[in-house]
Amino acid sequence: MSDNQVGLVDFAMFRPGENVGTSEWVTVDQPMISGFGDITLDPDPMHVDPEWAAENSAFGRTIAFGFLTMSLLTHLLHSAMGDSNDREHADVGYFLNYGFDRMRLVSPIPVDSRVRGHFKTLENYTDEKDRQMVKFECHIEIEGEERPALIGEWLAIWINK
Protein backbone atom coordinates (compact mmCIF):
# COMPACT_ATOMS: atom_id res chain seq x y z
CA MET A 1 0.00 0.00 0.00
CA SER A 2 1.40 3.43 -0.91
CA ASP A 3 1.89 6.29 1.55
CA ASN A 4 -1.06 8.03 -0.07
CA GLN A 5 -3.50 5.13 0.11
CA VAL A 6 -5.18 3.72 3.19
CA GLY A 7 -7.48 0.78 2.65
CA LEU A 8 -9.70 1.70 -0.30
CA VAL A 9 -9.32 5.47 0.13
CA ASP A 10 -6.91 7.06 -2.35
CA PHE A 11 -5.30 10.11 -0.78
CA ALA A 12 -3.44 10.91 -3.99
CA MET A 13 -6.60 12.76 -5.05
CA PHE A 14 -5.68 15.43 -2.49
CA ARG A 15 -2.66 16.94 -4.24
CA PRO A 16 -1.14 19.93 -2.40
CA GLY A 17 -1.70 23.14 -4.31
CA GLU A 18 -4.60 21.79 -6.36
CA ASN A 19 -8.17 23.00 -6.19
CA VAL A 20 -10.60 20.49 -4.75
CA GLY A 21 -13.55 22.38 -6.22
CA THR A 22 -16.36 24.85 -5.72
CA SER A 23 -19.66 23.86 -4.15
CA GLU A 24 -23.18 24.52 -5.27
CA TRP A 25 -24.90 27.59 -3.82
CA VAL A 26 -26.74 27.22 -0.49
CA THR A 27 -29.37 29.70 0.72
CA VAL A 28 -29.01 30.66 4.37
CA ASP A 29 -32.60 31.48 5.32
CA GLN A 30 -34.30 32.34 8.60
CA PRO A 31 -35.52 28.78 9.35
CA MET A 32 -31.90 27.54 9.01
CA ILE A 33 -30.58 30.32 11.26
CA SER A 34 -33.33 29.94 13.87
CA GLY A 35 -33.00 26.14 13.83
CA PHE A 36 -29.28 26.46 14.49
CA GLY A 37 -30.06 28.78 17.43
CA ASP A 38 -32.55 26.24 18.78
CA ILE A 39 -30.19 23.26 18.66
CA THR A 40 -27.24 25.21 20.09
CA LEU A 41 -29.40 26.76 22.84
CA ASP A 42 -28.46 30.28 21.67
CA PRO A 43 -31.49 32.60 21.41
CA ASP A 44 -29.46 35.69 20.41
CA PRO A 45 -32.00 38.09 18.82
CA MET A 46 -29.41 39.36 16.31
CA HIS A 47 -29.79 35.94 14.70
CA VAL A 48 -33.26 34.63 15.56
CA ASP A 49 -35.51 37.70 15.91
CA PRO A 50 -36.06 39.53 12.59
CA GLU A 51 -38.03 42.38 14.20
CA TRP A 52 -35.40 42.97 16.87
CA ALA A 53 -32.58 42.82 14.31
CA ALA A 54 -34.35 45.29 11.98
CA GLU A 55 -34.67 47.79 14.83
CA ASN A 56 -31.43 47.23 16.77
CA SER A 57 -28.78 45.53 14.66
CA ALA A 58 -26.14 47.37 12.67
CA PHE A 59 -26.99 44.96 9.83
CA GLY A 60 -30.69 45.90 9.65
CA ARG A 61 -31.73 42.25 9.54
CA THR A 62 -30.75 38.93 11.04
CA ILE A 63 -27.41 37.35 10.24
CA ALA A 64 -26.18 33.76 10.39
CA PHE A 65 -24.37 32.60 13.50
CA GLY A 66 -20.61 32.40 12.93
CA PHE A 67 -20.66 28.78 14.08
CA LEU A 68 -23.44 28.07 11.55
CA THR A 69 -21.15 29.42 8.85
CA MET A 70 -18.39 27.08 10.03
CA SER A 71 -20.77 24.13 10.28
CA LEU A 72 -21.66 24.45 6.59
CA LEU A 73 -18.09 23.51 5.63
CA THR A 74 -18.74 19.76 5.60
CA HIS A 75 -21.74 20.06 3.27
CA LEU A 76 -19.94 22.56 1.05
CA LEU A 77 -16.84 20.33 0.77
CA HIS A 78 -18.93 17.28 -0.18
CA SER A 79 -20.71 19.40 -2.78
CA ALA A 80 -17.41 20.72 -4.14
CA MET A 81 -16.07 17.17 -4.43
CA GLY A 82 -19.27 15.96 -6.08
CA ASP A 83 -19.76 13.21 -3.54
CA SER A 84 -22.01 12.38 -0.64
CA ASN A 85 -21.46 11.59 2.98
CA ASP A 86 -22.48 7.94 2.54
CA ARG A 87 -19.47 6.41 4.35
CA GLU A 88 -18.78 3.94 1.53
CA HIS A 89 -15.42 2.98 3.07
CA ALA A 90 -16.69 2.54 6.64
CA ASP A 91 -15.37 -1.03 6.68
CA VAL A 92 -11.75 0.19 6.50
CA GLY A 93 -11.95 3.54 8.29
CA TYR A 94 -13.39 7.02 8.28
CA PHE A 95 -12.55 10.72 8.18
CA LEU A 96 -12.95 12.94 11.24
CA ASN A 97 -12.59 16.66 11.70
CA TYR A 98 -9.25 17.30 13.38
CA GLY A 99 -9.57 21.04 13.79
CA PHE A 100 -8.39 24.25 12.24
CA ASP A 101 -4.97 25.81 11.95
CA ARG A 102 -6.51 29.13 11.08
CA MET A 103 -10.11 30.32 10.91
CA ARG A 104 -11.51 33.80 10.39
CA LEU A 105 -15.13 34.87 10.14
CA VAL A 106 -14.54 37.82 7.83
CA SER A 107 -18.09 38.99 7.03
CA PRO A 108 -21.49 38.09 8.47
CA ILE A 109 -23.96 36.28 6.23
CA PRO A 110 -27.23 38.27 6.01
CA VAL A 111 -30.44 36.25 6.09
CA ASP A 112 -31.54 34.92 2.68
CA SER A 113 -28.04 35.19 1.23
CA ARG A 114 -26.56 32.48 -0.94
CA VAL A 115 -23.13 31.09 -0.12
CA ARG A 116 -20.76 28.60 -1.69
CA GLY A 117 -17.46 27.09 -0.69
CA HIS A 118 -14.13 27.04 -2.50
CA PHE A 119 -11.58 24.42 -1.41
CA LYS A 120 -7.94 23.74 -2.17
CA THR A 121 -5.59 21.09 -0.76
CA LEU A 122 -2.76 22.70 1.17
CA GLU A 123 -1.12 19.59 2.62
CA ASN A 124 -1.47 15.82 2.52
CA TYR A 125 0.84 13.99 4.89
CA THR A 126 1.25 11.22 7.41
CA ASP A 127 1.74 12.50 10.93
CA GLU A 128 4.04 11.17 13.67
CA LYS A 129 1.38 8.64 14.75
CA ASP A 130 1.14 7.27 11.18
CA ARG A 131 -2.26 8.87 10.59
CA GLN A 132 -3.18 10.35 7.21
CA MET A 133 -3.83 14.11 7.48
CA VAL A 134 -5.26 16.46 4.87
CA LYS A 135 -5.29 20.24 5.25
CA PHE A 136 -7.78 22.23 3.15
CA GLU A 137 -7.85 25.93 2.42
CA CYS A 138 -11.47 27.03 2.77
CA HIS A 139 -13.20 30.13 1.51
CA ILE A 140 -16.96 30.70 1.87
CA GLU A 141 -18.18 33.25 -0.64
CA ILE A 142 -21.35 35.34 -0.16
CA GLU A 143 -23.07 35.90 -3.50
CA GLY A 144 -22.66 39.50 -4.65
CA GLU A 145 -20.23 40.46 -1.89
CA GLU A 146 -16.54 41.30 -2.25
CA ARG A 147 -15.50 39.99 1.15
CA PRO A 148 -15.88 36.32 2.05
CA ALA A 149 -17.87 35.06 5.00
CA LEU A 150 -15.04 32.76 6.10
CA ILE A 151 -11.46 31.89 5.30
CA GLY A 152 -9.53 29.15 7.01
CA GLU A 153 -7.35 26.08 7.06
CA TRP A 154 -9.28 22.94 7.97
CA LEU A 155 -7.69 19.65 9.03
CA ALA A 156 -9.15 16.19 8.43
CA ILE A 157 -7.73 12.93 9.71
CA TRP A 158 -8.26 9.37 8.46
CA ILE A 159 -8.87 6.81 11.20
CA ASN A 160 -8.18 3.18 10.26
CA LYS A 161 -10.40 0.49 11.76
C-alpha atoms as a PDB file:
ATOM      1  CA  MET A   1       0.000   0.000   0.000  1.00  0.00           C
ATOM      2  CA  SER A   2       1.398   3.432  -0.912  1.00  0.00           C
ATOM      3  CA  ASP A   3       1.885   6.288   1.555  1.00  0.00           C
ATOM      4  CA  ASN A   4      -1.064   8.028  -0.075  1.00  0.00           C
ATOM      5  CA  GLN A   5      -3.500   5.129   0.115  1.00  0.00           C
ATOM      6  CA  VAL A   6      -5.182   3.718   3.192  1.00  0.00           C
ATOM      7  CA  GLY A   7      -7.478   0.779   2.647  1.00  0.00           C
ATOM      8  CA  LEU A   8      -9.699   1.701  -0.302  1.00  0.00           C
ATOM      9  CA  VAL A   9      -9.324   5.472   0.126  1.00  0.00           C
ATOM     10  CA  ASP A  10      -6.913   7.061  -2.352  1.00  0.00           C
ATOM     11  CA  PHE A  11      -5.301  10.115  -0.777  1.00  0.00           C
ATOM     12  CA  ALA A  12      -3.445  10.912  -3.991  1.00  0.00           C
ATOM     13  CA  MET A  13      -6.601  12.761  -5.046  1.00  0.00           C
ATOM     14  CA  PHE A  14      -5.676  15.435  -2.487  1.00  0.00           C
ATOM     15  CA  ARG A  15      -2.657  16.940  -4.236  1.00  0.00           C
ATOM     16  CA  PRO A  16      -1.138  19.929  -2.399  1.00  0.00           C
ATOM     17  CA  GLY A  17      -1.704  23.142  -4.306  1.00  0.00           C
ATOM     18  CA  GLU A  18      -4.603  21.786  -6.360  1.00  0.00           C
ATOM     19  CA  ASN A  19      -8.170  23.002  -6.192  1.00  0.00           C
ATOM     20  CA  VAL A  20     -10.604  20.494  -4.751  1.00  0.00           C
ATOM     21  CA  GLY A  21     -13.553  22.378  -6.217  1.00  0.00           C
ATOM     22  CA  THR A  22     -16.359  24.851  -5.723  1.00  0.00           C
ATOM     23  CA  SER A  23     -19.659  23.862  -4.148  1.00  0.00           C
ATOM     24  CA  GLU A  24     -23.183  24.517  -5.274  1.00  0.00           C
ATOM     25  CA  TRP A  25     -24.905  27.588  -3.819  1.00  0.00           C
ATOM     26  CA  VAL A  26     -26.740  27.220  -0.488  1.00  0.00           C
ATOM     27  CA  THR A  27     -29.366  29.702   0.723  1.00  0.00           C
ATOM     28  CA  VAL A  28     -29.013  30.663   4.374  1.00  0.00           C
ATOM     29  CA  ASP A  29     -32.604  31.477   5.322  1.00  0.00           C
ATOM     30  CA  GLN A  30     -34.303  32.335   8.600  1.00  0.00           C
ATOM     31  CA  PRO A  31     -35.519  28.777   9.347  1.00  0.00           C
ATOM     32  CA  MET A  32     -31.902  27.545   9.011  1.00  0.00           C
ATOM     33  CA  ILE A  33     -30.577  30.315  11.258  1.00  0.00           C
ATOM     34  CA  SER A  34     -33.331  29.935  13.868  1.00  0.00           C
ATOM     35  CA  GLY A  35     -33.003  26.139  13.832  1.00  0.00           C
ATOM     36  CA  PHE A  36     -29.285  26.460  14.493  1.00  0.00           C
ATOM     37  CA  GLY A  37     -30.060  28.777  17.425  1.00  0.00           C
ATOM     38  CA  ASP A  38     -32.545  26.242  18.775  1.00  0.00           C
ATOM     39  CA  ILE A  39     -30.194  23.259  18.656  1.00  0.00           C
ATOM     40  CA  THR A  40     -27.243  25.213  20.089  1.00  0.00           C
ATOM     41  CA  LEU A  41     -29.398  26.764  22.836  1.00  0.00           C
ATOM     42  CA  ASP A  42     -28.462  30.280  21.670  1.00  0.00           C
ATOM     43  CA  PRO A  43     -31.485  32.604  21.405  1.00  0.00           C
ATOM     44  CA  ASP A  44     -29.459  35.695  20.412  1.00  0.00           C
ATOM     45  CA  PRO A  45     -32.000  38.091  18.819  1.00  0.00           C
ATOM     46  CA  MET A  46     -29.412  39.360  16.312  1.00  0.00           C
ATOM     47  CA  HIS A  47     -29.793  35.945  14.700  1.00  0.00           C
ATOM     48  CA  VAL A  48     -33.255  34.632  15.558  1.00  0.00           C
ATOM     49  CA  ASP A  49     -35.513  37.705  15.906  1.00  0.00           C
ATOM     50  CA  PRO A  50     -36.056  39.534  12.590  1.00  0.00           C
ATOM     51  CA  GLU A  51     -38.026  42.384  14.204  1.00  0.00           C
ATOM     52  CA  TRP A  52     -35.401  42.967  16.865  1.00  0.00           C
ATOM     53  CA  ALA A  53     -32.581  42.816  14.307  1.00  0.00           C
ATOM     54  CA  ALA A  54     -34.351  45.287  11.985  1.00  0.00           C
ATOM     55  CA  GLU A  55     -34.674  47.788  14.833  1.00  0.00           C
ATOM     56  CA  ASN A  56     -31.433  47.230  16.767  1.00  0.00           C
ATOM     57  CA  SER A  57     -28.784  45.533  14.664  1.00  0.00           C
ATOM     58  CA  ALA A  58     -26.139  47.375  12.671  1.00  0.00           C
ATOM     59  CA  PHE A  59     -26.989  44.958   9.835  1.00  0.00           C
ATOM     60  CA  GLY A  60     -30.691  45.900   9.652  1.00  0.00           C
ATOM     61  CA  ARG A  61     -31.726  42.254   9.538  1.00  0.00           C
ATOM     62  CA  THR A  62     -30.745  38.934  11.045  1.00  0.00           C
ATOM     63  CA  ILE A  63     -27.413  37.346  10.236  1.00  0.00           C
ATOM     64  CA  ALA A  64     -26.175  33.761  10.391  1.00  0.00           C
ATOM     65  CA  PHE A  65     -24.369  32.597  13.497  1.00  0.00           C
ATOM     66  CA  GLY A  66     -20.609  32.399  12.932  1.00  0.00           C
ATOM     67  CA  PHE A  67     -20.661  28.784  14.078  1.00  0.00           C
ATOM     68  CA  LEU A  68     -23.438  28.065  11.552  1.00  0.00           C
ATOM     69  CA  THR A  69     -21.151  29.421   8.851  1.00  0.00           C
ATOM     70  CA  MET A  70     -18.386  27.084  10.032  1.00  0.00           C
ATOM     71  CA  SER A  71     -20.767  24.127  10.277  1.00  0.00           C
ATOM     72  CA  LEU A  72     -21.655  24.453   6.591  1.00  0.00           C
ATOM     73  CA  LEU A  73     -18.088  23.506   5.633  1.00  0.00           C
ATOM     74  CA  THR A  74     -18.745  19.755   5.599  1.00  0.00           C
ATOM     75  CA  HIS A  75     -21.736  20.065   3.274  1.00  0.00           C
ATOM     76  CA  LEU A  76     -19.939  22.556   1.045  1.00  0.00           C
ATOM     77  CA  LEU A  77     -16.845  20.332   0.775  1.00  0.00           C
ATOM     78  CA  HIS A  78     -18.927  17.281  -0.181  1.00  0.00           C
ATOM     79  CA  SER A  79     -20.714  19.397  -2.780  1.00  0.00           C
ATOM     80  CA  ALA A  80     -17.405  20.725  -4.145  1.00  0.00           C
ATOM     81  CA  MET A  81     -16.069  17.174  -4.432  1.00  0.00           C
ATOM     82  CA  GLY A  82     -19.268  15.965  -6.085  1.00  0.00           C
ATOM     83  CA  ASP A  83     -19.758  13.213  -3.541  1.00  0.00           C
ATOM     84  CA  SER A  84     -22.008  12.379  -0.642  1.00  0.00           C
ATOM     85  CA  ASN A  85     -21.462  11.591   2.982  1.00  0.00           C
ATOM     86  CA  ASP A  86     -22.475   7.945   2.538  1.00  0.00           C
ATOM     87  CA  ARG A  87     -19.467   6.409   4.348  1.00  0.00           C
ATOM     88  CA  GLU A  88     -18.779   3.940   1.528  1.00  0.00           C
ATOM     89  CA  HIS A  89     -15.421   2.982   3.070  1.00  0.00           C
ATOM     90  CA  ALA A  90     -16.689   2.536   6.641  1.00  0.00           C
ATOM     91  CA  ASP A  91     -15.371  -1.034   6.683  1.00  0.00           C
ATOM     92  CA  VAL A  92     -11.747   0.190   6.504  1.00  0.00           C
ATOM     93  CA  GLY A  93     -11.946   3.543   8.291  1.00  0.00           C
ATOM     94  CA  TYR A  94     -13.388   7.016   8.280  1.00  0.00           C
ATOM     95  CA  PHE A  95     -12.550  10.716   8.184  1.00  0.00           C
ATOM     96  CA  LEU A  96     -12.953  12.941  11.239  1.00  0.00           C
ATOM     97  CA  ASN A  97     -12.586  16.656  11.698  1.00  0.00           C
ATOM     98  CA  TYR A  98      -9.247  17.295  13.380  1.00  0.00           C
ATOM     99  CA  GLY A  99      -9.567  21.040  13.791  1.00  0.00           C
ATOM    100  CA  PHE A 100      -8.386  24.247  12.237  1.00  0.00           C
ATOM    101  CA  ASP A 101      -4.967  25.811  11.949  1.00  0.00           C
ATOM    102  CA  ARG A 102      -6.514  29.135  11.082  1.00  0.00           C
ATOM    103  CA  MET A 103     -10.108  30.323  10.908  1.00  0.00           C
ATOM    104  CA  ARG A 104     -11.512  33.804  10.395  1.00  0.00           C
ATOM    105  CA  LEU A 105     -15.134  34.873  10.145  1.00  0.00           C
ATOM    106  CA  VAL A 106     -14.538  37.816   7.825  1.00  0.00           C
ATOM    107  CA  SER A 107     -18.089  38.992   7.029  1.00  0.00           C
ATOM    108  CA  PRO A 108     -21.485  38.090   8.471  1.00  0.00           C
ATOM    109  CA  ILE A 109     -23.956  36.277   6.235  1.00  0.00           C
ATOM    110  CA  PRO A 110     -27.228  38.269   6.009  1.00  0.00           C
ATOM    111  CA  VAL A 111     -30.444  36.247   6.092  1.00  0.00           C
ATOM    112  CA  ASP A 112     -31.544  34.919   2.683  1.00  0.00           C
ATOM    113  CA  SER A 113     -28.041  35.189   1.228  1.00  0.00           C
ATOM    114  CA  ARG A 114     -26.564  32.483  -0.942  1.00  0.00           C
ATOM    115  CA  VAL A 115     -23.134  31.086  -0.119  1.00  0.00           C
ATOM    116  CA  ARG A 116     -20.762  28.599  -1.691  1.00  0.00           C
ATOM    117  CA  GLY A 117     -17.457  27.087  -0.690  1.00  0.00           C
ATOM    118  CA  HIS A 118     -14.132  27.035  -2.498  1.00  0.00           C
ATOM    119  CA  PHE A 119     -11.584  24.420  -1.414  1.00  0.00           C
ATOM    120  CA  LYS A 120      -7.937  23.742  -2.166  1.00  0.00           C
ATOM    121  CA  THR A 121      -5.595  21.090  -0.760  1.00  0.00           C
ATOM    122  CA  LEU A 122      -2.759  22.700   1.169  1.00  0.00           C
ATOM    123  CA  GLU A 123      -1.119  19.591   2.621  1.00  0.00           C
ATOM    124  CA  ASN A 124      -1.475  15.820   2.521  1.00  0.00           C
ATOM    125  CA  TYR A 125       0.837  13.987   4.888  1.00  0.00           C
ATOM    126  CA  THR A 126       1.255  11.215   7.405  1.00  0.00           C
ATOM    127  CA  ASP A 127       1.742  12.503  10.934  1.00  0.00           C
ATOM    128  CA  GLU A 128       4.041  11.171  13.674  1.00  0.00           C
ATOM    129  CA  LYS A 129       1.377   8.642  14.750  1.00  0.00           C
ATOM    130  CA  ASP A 130       1.142   7.273  11.184  1.00  0.00           C
ATOM    131  CA  ARG A 131      -2.257   8.875  10.590  1.00  0.00           C
ATOM    132  CA  GLN A 132      -3.182  10.349   7.212  1.00  0.00           C
ATOM    133  CA  MET A 133      -3.827  14.112   7.485  1.00  0.00           C
ATOM    134  CA  VAL A 134      -5.264  16.462   4.868  1.00  0.00           C
ATOM    135  CA  LYS A 135      -5.291  20.245   5.248  1.00  0.00           C
ATOM    136  CA  PHE A 136      -7.780  22.225   3.147  1.00  0.00           C
ATOM    137  CA  GLU A 137      -7.846  25.927   2.422  1.00  0.00           C
ATOM    138  CA  CYS A 138     -11.468  27.026   2.774  1.00  0.00           C
ATOM    139  CA  HIS A 139     -13.202  30.132   1.514  1.00  0.00           C
ATOM    140  CA  ILE A 140     -16.956  30.696   1.869  1.00  0.00           C
ATOM    141  CA  GLU A 141     -18.184  33.253  -0.640  1.00  0.00           C
ATOM    142  CA  ILE A 142     -21.352  35.336  -0.164  1.00  0.00           C
ATOM    143  CA  GLU A 143     -23.066  35.902  -3.503  1.00  0.00           C
ATOM    144  CA  GLY A 144     -22.663  39.503  -4.654  1.00  0.00           C
ATOM    145  CA  GLU A 145     -20.231  40.462  -1.885  1.00  0.00           C
ATOM    146  CA  GLU A 146     -16.539  41.298  -2.247  1.00  0.00           C
ATOM    147  CA  ARG A 147     -15.498  39.991   1.147  1.00  0.00           C
ATOM    148  CA  PRO A 148     -15.878  36.322   2.047  1.00  0.00           C
ATOM    149  CA  ALA A 149     -17.870  35.063   5.005  1.00  0.00           C
ATOM    150  CA  LEU A 150     -15.042  32.756   6.101  1.00  0.00           C
ATOM    151  CA  ILE A 151     -11.460  31.888   5.296  1.00  0.00           C
ATOM    152  CA  GLY A 152      -9.529  29.149   7.006  1.00  0.00           C
ATOM    153  CA  GLU A 153      -7.352  26.076   7.058  1.00  0.00           C
ATOM    154  CA  TRP A 154      -9.275  22.942   7.965  1.00  0.00           C
ATOM    155  CA  LEU A 155      -7.694  19.648   9.030  1.00  0.00           C
ATOM    156  CA  ALA A 156      -9.154  16.190   8.433  1.00  0.00           C
ATOM    157  CA  ILE A 157      -7.734  12.931   9.706  1.00  0.00           C
ATOM    158  CA  TRP A 158      -8.259   9.366   8.461  1.00  0.00           C
ATOM    159  CA  ILE A 159      -8.868   6.810  11.199  1.00  0.00           C
ATOM    160  CA  ASN A 160      -8.182   3.176  10.260  1.00  0.00           C
ATOM    161  CA  LYS A 161     -10.401   0.486  11.757  1.00  0.00           C
END
